[in-house]
Amino acid sequence: MFKLKANYGFLAVILPFIWAWGSENNGIPLWSNPEGANTLFEIQLNPEIYRLSNFGEPPQMALWLENMDGSEIKTLWVSSRLARGVWVGKVVCPTALPYWISRRGIEKEGGQPSFLKPLPDGITGATPKAELKVYTSLEPGSTWRYFFELNVSGDYNNAFRASQSNGSPDPDGNGQPSLVYAGIAQAVAGWTDTARVVGRTEQILETPDIIFDLNGMTTSKRVLRAITVTFIEKKE
């Protein structure tokens, strides 16, 4: 009889490829499939900005809808590292997109995705370098708030340093905390909207509420070029 030793480093490298292969063979992910969709979100990033961070990696991102009283939440897209819990040297990263994580907890119990409890393939994908299109279908005539959260790791500045005032390090390598953008999506003919930044989260703490004070946020405000939503009129 022999014992099988788990090689978690190997798993962290190979599993994203296994998931991607399975997703591809299960059909087109919901967010990238225009068939049957009547709403398009277009996200444009500025690679020249996020490449200036300590790690130079594309941001973690999440896009979701909420009805007007916030009681119904629908996640549309989440970057794969967060969605699958594939982190380097840690199990979870609660400061990556903490506001979305808190809203996901309302949408589905146990909101924080993990290695053992990843999000469905249909709503996740690799972070794009510059552009992303997300399709969905809304009930004709309905009105929703949409939210977009974005975070670049390691983008330290004078306000959000690698070490805190007491000398303790930024435990997640977060740097400037995530920014939250919002707008209105209406499923009516001719509707289009451009999201506005509405606040941020905390650097080293889980954040269930948006912080409206943007003082100290510098390069992080330039990572997103634009996010727009358009209602697509279907031809009869």
C-alpha atoms as a PDB file:
ATOM      1  CA  MET A   1       0.000   0.000   0.000  1.00  0.00           C
ATOM      2  CA  PHE A   2       1.339   3.433  -0.809  1.00  0.00           C
ATOM      3  CA  LYS A   3       0.437   7.001   0.090  1.00  0.00           C
ATOM      4  CA  LEU A   4      -0.126   9.658  -2.519  1.00  0.00           C
ATOM      5  CA  LYS A   5       1.389  12.977  -1.543  1.00  0.00           C
ATOM      6  CA  ALA A   6      -0.425  16.074  -2.816  1.00  0.00           C
ATOM      7  CA  ASN A   7       1.727  18.486  -4.791  1.00  0.00           C
ATOM      8  CA  TYR A   8      -0.255  21.687  -4.361  1.00  0.00           C
ATOM      9  CA  GLY A   9       2.213  23.759  -6.353  1.00  0.00           C
ATOM     10  CA  PHE A  10       1.777  21.460  -9.324  1.00  0.00           C
ATOM     11  CA  LEU A  11      -2.012  21.500  -8.924  1.00  0.00           C
ATOM     12  CA  ALA A  12      -2.068  25.299  -8.806  1.00  0.00           C
ATOM     13  CA  VAL A  13      -0.282  25.365 -12.165  1.00  0.00           C
ATOM     14  CA  ILE A  14      -2.094  22.567 -14.007  1.00  0.00           C
ATOM     15  CA  LEU A  15      -5.703  22.926 -12.804  1.00  0.00           C
ATOM     16  CA  PRO A  16      -6.408  26.235 -14.574  1.00  0.00           C
ATOM     17  CA  PHE A  17      -5.574  24.482 -17.847  1.00  0.00           C
ATOM     18  CA  ILE A  18      -7.809  21.524 -16.974  1.00  0.00           C
ATOM     19  CA  TRP A  19     -10.680  23.903 -16.153  1.00  0.00           C
ATOM     20  CA  ALA A  20     -10.127  25.892 -19.342  1.00  0.00           C
ATOM     21  CA  TRP A  21     -10.130  22.676 -21.402  1.00  0.00           C
ATOM     22  CA  GLY A  22     -13.361  21.535 -19.748  1.00  0.00           C
ATOM     23  CA  SER A  23     -15.020  24.890 -20.275  1.00  0.00           C
ATOM     24  CA  GLU A  24     -14.092  24.945 -23.953  1.00  0.00           C
ATOM     25  CA  ASN A  25     -15.499  21.487 -24.494  1.00  0.00           C
ATOM     26  CA  ASN A  26     -18.703  22.258 -22.611  1.00  0.00           C
ATOM     27  CA  GLY A  27     -19.589  25.030 -25.048  1.00  0.00           C
ATOM     28  CA  ILE A  28     -19.190  28.788 -25.224  1.00  0.00           C
ATOM     29  CA  PRO A  29     -19.145  30.518 -21.796  1.00  0.00           C
ATOM     30  CA  LEU A  30     -22.303  32.506 -21.115  1.00  0.00           C
ATOM     31  CA  TRP A  31     -20.490  35.839 -20.912  1.00  0.00           C
ATOM     32  CA  SER A  32     -18.861  35.513 -24.350  1.00  0.00           C
ATOM     33  CA  ASN A  33     -21.877  34.206 -26.251  1.00  0.00           C
ATOM     34  CA  PRO A  34     -23.856  36.884 -28.153  1.00  0.00           C
ATOM     35  CA  GLU A  35     -26.510  34.375 -29.246  1.00  0.00           C
ATOM     36  CA  GLY A  36     -29.756  35.177 -27.455  1.00  0.00           C
ATOM     37  CA  ALA A  37     -28.198  38.128 -25.591  1.00  0.00           C
ATOM     38  CA  ASN A  38     -29.704  41.607 -25.667  1.00  0.00           C
ATOM     39  CA  THR A  39     -27.160  43.482 -23.526  1.00  0.00           C
ATOM     40  CA  LEU A  40     -23.450  44.087 -24.119  1.00  0.00           C
ATOM     41  CA  PHE A  41     -20.854  45.358 -21.647  1.00  0.00           C
ATOM     42  CA  GLU A  42     -17.589  46.579 -23.167  1.00  0.00           C
ATOM     43  CA  ILE A  43     -14.571  47.008 -20.880  1.00  0.00           C
ATOM     44  CA  GLN A  44     -11.381  48.745 -22.002  1.00  0.00           C
ATOM     45  CA  LEU A  45      -8.180  48.638 -19.953  1.00  0.00           C
ATOM     46  CA  ASN A  46      -4.942  50.609 -20.077  1.00  0.00           C
ATOM     47  CA  PRO A  47      -2.078  48.054 -20.041  1.00  0.00           C
ATOM     48  CA  GLU A  48       0.551  50.794 -19.861  1.00  0.00           C
ATOM     49  CA  ILE A  49      -0.689  51.648 -16.365  1.00  0.00           C
ATOM     50  CA  TYR A  50      -1.048  48.227 -14.723  1.00  0.00           C
ATOM     51  CA  ARG A  51       2.340  47.149 -16.085  1.00  0.00           C
ATOM     52  CA  LEU A  52       3.910  49.822 -13.847  1.00  0.00           C
ATOM     53  CA  SER A  53       2.870  47.918 -10.702  1.00  0.00           C
ATOM     54  CA  ASN A  54       5.350  45.760  -8.779  1.00  0.00           C
ATOM     55  CA  PHE A  55       3.973  42.591 -10.394  1.00  0.00           C
ATOM     56  CA  GLY A  56       3.024  43.998 -13.802  1.00  0.00           C
ATOM     57  CA  GLU A  57      -0.035  41.743 -14.035  1.00  0.00           C
ATOM     58  CA  PRO A  58      -3.511  42.535 -15.416  1.00  0.00           C
ATOM     59  CA  PRO A  59      -6.079  43.427 -12.746  1.00  0.00           C
ATOM     60  CA  GLN A  60      -8.556  41.185 -10.993  1.00  0.00           C
ATOM     61  CA  MET A  61     -12.073  42.191 -12.086  1.00  0.00           C
ATOM     62  CA  ALA A  62     -15.728  41.397 -11.428  1.00  0.00           C
ATOM     63  CA  LEU A  63     -18.898  42.569 -13.188  1.00  0.00           C
ATOM     64  CA  TRP A  64     -22.355  42.072 -11.719  1.00  0.00           C
ATOM     65  CA  LEU A  65     -25.974  43.282 -11.749  1.00  0.00           C
ATOM     66  CA  GLU A  66     -28.259  44.260  -8.879  1.00  0.00           C
ATOM     67  CA  ASN A  67     -31.956  45.068  -8.988  1.00  0.00           C
ATOM     68  CA  MET A  68     -32.854  48.547  -7.805  1.00  0.00           C
ATOM     69  CA  ASP A  69     -33.287  47.617  -4.124  1.00  0.00           C
ATOM     70  CA  GLY A  70     -30.203  45.384  -4.037  1.00  0.00           C
ATOM     71  CA  SER A  71     -32.112  42.240  -3.083  1.00  0.00           C
ATOM     72  CA  GLU A  72     -31.280  40.358  -6.297  1.00  0.00           C
ATOM     73  CA  ILE A  73     -27.700  40.013  -7.492  1.00  0.00           C
ATOM     74  CA  LYS A  74     -26.374  38.372 -10.658  1.00  0.00           C
ATOM     75  CA  THR A  75     -22.648  37.903 -11.227  1.00  0.00           C
ATOM     76  CA  LEU A  76     -21.847  38.183 -14.936  1.00  0.00           C
ATOM     77  CA  TRP A  77     -18.058  37.806 -15.084  1.00  0.00           C
ATOM     78  CA  VAL A  78     -15.129  37.324 -12.676  1.00  0.00           C
ATOM     79  CA  SER A  79     -11.441  37.001 -13.527  1.00  0.00           C
ATOM     80  CA  SER A  80     -10.301  33.394 -13.288  1.00  0.00           C
ATOM     81  CA  ARG A  81      -7.673  33.678 -10.548  1.00  0.00           C
ATOM     82  CA  LEU A  82     -10.253  34.903  -8.051  1.00  0.00           C
ATOM     83  CA  ALA A  83     -13.054  32.741  -9.450  1.00  0.00           C
ATOM     84  CA  ARG A  84     -10.981  29.561  -9.093  1.00  0.00           C
ATOM     85  CA  GLY A  85      -9.000  30.433  -5.967  1.00  0.00           C
ATOM     86  CA  VAL A  86      -5.632  29.974  -7.675  1.00  0.00           C
ATOM     87  CA  TRP A  87      -3.269  32.143  -5.627  1.00  0.00           C
ATOM     88  CA  VAL A  88       0.454  31.971  -5.050  1.00  0.00           C
ATOM     89  CA  GLY A  89       1.281  30.952  -1.493  1.00  0.00           C
ATOM     90  CA  LYS A  90      -2.231  31.407  -0.051  1.00  0.00           C
ATOM     91  CA  VAL A  91      -5.644  29.787  -0.099  1.00  0.00           C
ATOM     92  CA  VAL A  92      -7.789  32.917  -0.532  1.00  0.00           C
ATOM     93  CA  CYS A  93      -7.206  36.621  -1.093  1.00  0.00           C
ATOM     94  CA  PRO A  94     -10.103  38.475   0.595  1.00  0.00           C
ATOM     95  CA  THR A  95      -8.770  41.930  -0.340  1.00  0.00           C
ATOM     96  CA  ALA A  96      -8.595  41.272  -4.100  1.00  0.00           C
ATOM     97  CA  LEU A  97     -12.222  42.287  -4.797  1.00  0.00           C
ATOM     98  CA  PRO A  98     -13.751  42.560  -1.316  1.00  0.00           C
ATOM     99  CA  TYR A  99     -16.882  44.473  -2.249  1.00  0.00           C
ATOM    100  CA  TRP A 100     -17.899  41.930  -4.895  1.00  0.00           C
ATOM    101  CA  ILE A 101     -17.136  39.117  -2.419  1.00  0.00           C
ATOM    102  CA  SER A 102     -19.568  40.703   0.061  1.00  0.00           C
ATOM    103  CA  ARG A 103     -22.267  40.999  -2.637  1.00  0.00           C
ATOM    104  CA  ARG A 104     -21.611  37.445  -3.815  1.00  0.00           C
ATOM    105  CA  GLY A 105     -22.329  36.359  -0.251  1.00  0.00           C
ATOM    106  CA  ILE A 106     -25.876  37.716  -0.732  1.00  0.00           C
ATOM    107  CA  GLU A 107     -26.202  36.143  -4.178  1.00  0.00           C
ATOM    108  CA  LYS A 108     -24.970  32.759  -2.992  1.00  0.00           C
ATOM    109  CA  GLU A 109     -24.064  31.504   0.472  1.00  0.00           C
ATOM    110  CA  GLY A 110     -20.308  31.288   1.025  1.00  0.00           C
ATOM    111  CA  GLY A 111     -19.478  34.102  -1.358  1.00  0.00           C
ATOM    112  CA  GLN A 112     -15.676  33.791  -1.384  1.00  0.00           C
ATOM    113  CA  PRO A 113     -14.653  31.434  -4.233  1.00  0.00           C
ATOM    114  CA  SER A 114     -11.858  29.029  -3.424  1.00  0.00           C
ATOM    115  CA  PHE A 115      -9.733  26.278  -4.915  1.00  0.00           C
ATOM    116  CA  LEU A 116     -12.267  23.698  -3.700  1.00  0.00           C
ATOM    117  CA  LYS A 117     -15.364  25.822  -4.448  1.00  0.00           C
ATOM    118  CA  PRO A 118     -14.697  27.653  -7.722  1.00  0.00           C
ATOM    119  CA  LEU A 119     -17.257  29.642  -9.661  1.00  0.00           C
ATOM    120  CA  PRO A 120     -18.978  27.984 -12.654  1.00  0.00           C
ATOM    121  CA  ASP A 121     -16.970  28.059 -15.881  1.00  0.00           C
ATOM    122  CA  GLY A 122     -19.725  29.998 -17.614  1.00  0.00           C
ATOM    123  CA  ILE A 123     -19.067  33.224 -15.673  1.00  0.00           C
ATOM    124  CA  THR A 124     -15.279  33.295 -15.495  1.00  0.00           C
ATOM    125  CA  GLY A 125     -12.370  33.734 -17.838  1.00  0.00           C
ATOM    126  CA  ALA A 126      -8.772  34.879 -18.133  1.00  0.00           C
ATOM    127  CA  THR A 127      -8.243  38.576 -17.481  1.00  0.00           C
ATOM    128  CA  PRO A 128      -7.878  40.296 -20.857  1.00  0.00           C
ATOM    129  CA  LYS A 129      -4.869  42.491 -21.506  1.00  0.00           C
ATOM    130  CA  ALA A 130      -6.864  45.383 -22.940  1.00  0.00           C
ATOM    131  CA  GLU A 131     -10.491  44.627 -23.912  1.00  0.00           C
ATOM    132  CA  LEU A 132     -13.353  42.453 -22.720  1.00  0.00           C
ATOM    133  CA  LYS A 133     -16.903  41.981 -24.007  1.00  0.00           C
ATOM    134  CA  VAL A 134     -19.531  40.481 -21.714  1.00  0.00           C
ATOM    135  CA  TYR A 135     -22.959  39.527 -23.066  1.00  0.00           C
ATOM    136  CA  THR A 136     -26.110  38.865 -21.079  1.00  0.00           C
ATOM    137  CA  SER A 137     -29.865  38.900 -21.528  1.00  0.00           C
ATOM    138  CA  LEU A 138     -32.148  41.165 -19.484  1.00  0.00           C
ATOM    139  CA  GLU A 139     -35.918  41.066 -19.200  1.00  0.00           C
ATOM    140  CA  PRO A 140     -37.229  43.628 -21.749  1.00  0.00           C
ATOM    141  CA  GLY A 141     -38.208  46.844 -19.994  1.00  0.00           C
ATOM    142  CA  SER A 142     -36.310  45.997 -16.786  1.00  0.00           C
ATOM    143  CA  THR A 143     -33.865  48.330 -15.017  1.00  0.00           C
ATOM    144  CA  TRP A 144     -30.722  47.254 -13.167  1.00  0.00           C
ATOM    145  CA  ARG A 145     -27.729  48.762 -11.475  1.00  0.00           C
ATOM    146  CA  TYR A 146     -24.461  47.323 -12.712  1.00  0.00           C
ATOM    147  CA  PHE A 147     -21.215  47.301 -10.763  1.00  0.00           C
ATOM    148  CA  PHE A 148     -17.631  46.706 -11.822  1.00  0.00           C
ATOM    149  CA  GLU A 149     -14.757  46.213  -9.373  1.00  0.00           C
ATOM    150  CA  LEU A 150     -11.115  46.326 -10.411  1.00  0.00           C
ATOM    151  CA  ASN A 151      -7.876  45.776  -8.496  1.00  0.00           C
ATOM    152  CA  VAL A 152      -4.211  45.842  -9.563  1.00  0.00           C
ATOM    153  CA  SER A 153      -1.924  44.091  -7.083  1.00  0.00           C
ATOM    154  CA  GLY A 154       1.321  45.721  -5.992  1.00  0.00           C
ATOM    155  CA  ASP A 155       0.506  49.255  -7.183  1.00  0.00           C
ATOM    156  CA  TYR A 156       1.907  50.919  -4.065  1.00  0.00           C
ATOM    157  CA  ASN A 157       2.075  54.669  -3.610  1.00  0.00           C
ATOM    158  CA  ASN A 158       2.612  57.153  -0.763  1.00  0.00           C
ATOM    159  CA  ALA A 159      -0.894  56.592   0.603  1.00  0.00           C
ATOM    160  CA  PHE A 160      -0.991  52.797   0.249  1.00  0.00           C
ATOM    161  CA  ARG A 161       2.479  51.494   1.073  1.00  0.00           C
ATOM    162  CA  ALA A 162       4.012  48.033   1.137  1.00  0.00           C
ATOM    163  CA  SER A 163       4.463  48.424   4.915  1.00  0.00           C
ATOM    164  CA  GLN A 164       1.966  49.926   7.354  1.00  0.00           C
ATOM    165  CA  SER A 165       2.823  52.658   9.865  1.00  0.00           C
ATOM    166  CA  ASN A 166       3.419  49.998  12.536  1.00  0.00           C
ATOM    167  CA  GLY A 167       5.890  48.176  10.295  1.00  0.00           C
ATOM    168  CA  SER A 168       3.625  45.248   9.383  1.00  0.00           C
ATOM    169  CA  PRO A 169       3.579  44.356   5.675  1.00  0.00           C
ATOM    170  CA  ASP A 170       0.648  44.500   3.304  1.00  0.00           C
ATOM    171  CA  PRO A 171      -0.306  40.811   3.746  1.00  0.00           C
ATOM    172  CA  ASP A 172      -1.801  40.315   0.285  1.00  0.00           C
ATOM    173  CA  GLY A 173       0.524  42.570  -1.709  1.00  0.00           C
ATOM    174  CA  ASN A 174      -2.525  44.667  -2.489  1.00  0.00           C
ATOM    175  CA  GLY A 175      -1.245  48.218  -2.826  1.00  0.00           C
ATOM    176  CA  GLN A 176      -3.983  50.632  -3.791  1.00  0.00           C
ATOM    177  CA  PRO A 177      -7.312  48.960  -2.953  1.00  0.00           C
ATOM    178  CA  SER A 178      -9.921  48.069  -5.533  1.00  0.00           C
ATOM    179  CA  LEU A 179     -12.051  50.701  -7.219  1.00  0.00           C
ATOM    180  CA  VAL A 180     -15.797  50.261  -7.698  1.00  0.00           C
ATOM    181  CA  TYR A 181     -17.619  51.616 -10.748  1.00  0.00           C
ATOM    182  CA  ALA A 182     -21.385  51.715 -11.276  1.00  0.00           C
ATOM    183  CA  GLY A 183     -24.089  52.661 -13.744  1.00  0.00           C
ATOM    184  CA  ILE A 184     -27.623  51.876 -14.887  1.00  0.00           C
ATOM    185  CA  ALA A 185     -28.591  49.213 -17.415  1.00  0.00           C
ATOM    186  CA  GLN A 186     -32.057  49.437 -18.939  1.00  0.00           C
ATOM    187  CA  ALA A 187     -33.402  46.868 -21.363  1.00  0.00           C
ATOM    188  CA  VAL A 188     -35.049  49.455 -23.591  1.00  0.00           C
ATOM    189  CA  ALA A 189     -34.411  50.385 -27.200  1.00  0.00           C
ATOM    190  CA  GLY A 190     -31.496  52.758 -27.715  1.00  0.00           C
ATOM    191  CA  TRP A 191     -30.181  52.530 -24.148  1.00  0.00           C
ATOM    192  CA  THR A 192     -26.465  53.069 -23.540  1.00  0.00           C
ATOM    193  CA  ASP A 193     -24.580  54.070 -20.397  1.00  0.00           C
ATOM    194  CA  THR A 194     -21.002  54.678 -19.267  1.00  0.00           C
ATOM    195  CA  ALA A 195     -19.984  53.673 -15.736  1.00  0.00           C
ATOM    196  CA  ARG A 196     -18.635  56.171 -13.206  1.00  0.00           C
ATOM    197  CA  VAL A 197     -16.260  55.471 -10.331  1.00  0.00           C
ATOM    198  CA  VAL A 198     -18.245  55.538  -7.077  1.00  0.00           C
ATOM    199  CA  GLY A 199     -15.686  54.555  -4.457  1.00  0.00           C
ATOM    200  CA  ARG A 200     -13.047  52.152  -3.237  1.00  0.00           C
ATOM    201  CA  THR A 201     -12.403  49.430  -0.669  1.00  0.00           C
ATOM    202  CA  GLU A 202      -9.747  48.960   2.057  1.00  0.00           C
ATOM    203  CA  GLN A 203      -6.143  47.982   1.435  1.00  0.00           C
ATOM    204  CA  ILE A 204      -5.799  45.240   4.056  1.00  0.00           C
ATOM    205  CA  LEU A 205      -9.348  44.627   5.300  1.00  0.00           C
ATOM    206  CA  GLU A 206     -12.459  42.905   4.000  1.00  0.00           C
ATOM    207  CA  THR A 207     -14.829  45.650   2.862  1.00  0.00           C
ATOM    208  CA  PRO A 208     -18.606  45.064   2.793  1.00  0.00           C
ATOM    209  CA  ASP A 209     -19.396  48.740   2.070  1.00  0.00           C
ATOM    210  CA  ILE A 210     -18.099  51.191  -0.515  1.00  0.00           C
ATOM    211  CA  ILE A 211     -15.743  53.918   0.757  1.00  0.00           C
ATOM    212  CA  PHE A 212     -16.485  57.151  -1.100  1.00  0.00           C
ATOM    213  CA  ASP A 213     -13.230  58.960  -0.233  1.00  0.00           C
ATOM    214  CA  LEU A 214     -10.834  58.525  -3.156  1.00  0.00           C
ATOM    215  CA  ASN A 215      -7.951  60.497  -1.655  1.00  0.00           C
ATOM    216  CA  GLY A 216      -4.682  58.666  -2.216  1.00  0.00           C
ATOM    217  CA  MET A 217      -5.883  56.714  -5.237  1.00  0.00           C
ATOM    218  CA  THR A 218      -3.550  57.609  -8.107  1.00  0.00           C
ATOM    219  CA  THR A 219      -2.569  55.210 -10.916  1.00  0.00           C
ATOM    220  CA  SER A 220      -5.448  52.879 -10.040  1.00  0.00           C
ATOM    221  CA  LYS A 221      -7.897  55.467 -11.423  1.00  0.00           C
ATOM    222  CA  ARG A 222      -6.237  55.242 -14.844  1.00  0.00           C
ATOM    223  CA  VAL A 223      -6.297  51.453 -15.320  1.00  0.00           C
ATOM    224  CA  LEU A 224      -9.856  51.462 -16.675  1.00  0.00           C
ATOM    225  CA  ARG A 225     -10.284  53.451 -19.866  1.00  0.00           C
ATOM    226  CA  ALA A 226     -14.060  52.916 -19.990  1.00  0.00           C
ATOM    227  CA  ILE A 227     -16.895  50.506 -19.335  1.00  0.00           C
ATOM    228  CA  THR A 228     -20.094  50.911 -21.333  1.00  0.00           C
ATOM    229  CA  VAL A 229     -23.350  49.005 -21.526  1.00  0.00           C
ATOM    230  CA  THR A 230     -25.562  48.897 -24.629  1.00  0.00           C
ATOM    231  CA  PHE A 231     -28.974  47.368 -25.144  1.00  0.00           C
ATOM    232  CA  ILE A 232     -28.914  45.445 -28.413  1.00  0.00           C
ATOM    233  CA  GLU A 233     -32.094  45.677 -30.429  1.00  0.00           C
ATOM    234  CA  LYS A 234     -32.906  42.329 -31.990  1.00  0.00           C
ATOM    235  CA  LYS A 235     -33.970  42.306 -35.600  1.00  0.00           C
ATOM    236  CA  GLU A 236     -37.248  40.508 -36.294  1.00  0.00           C
END
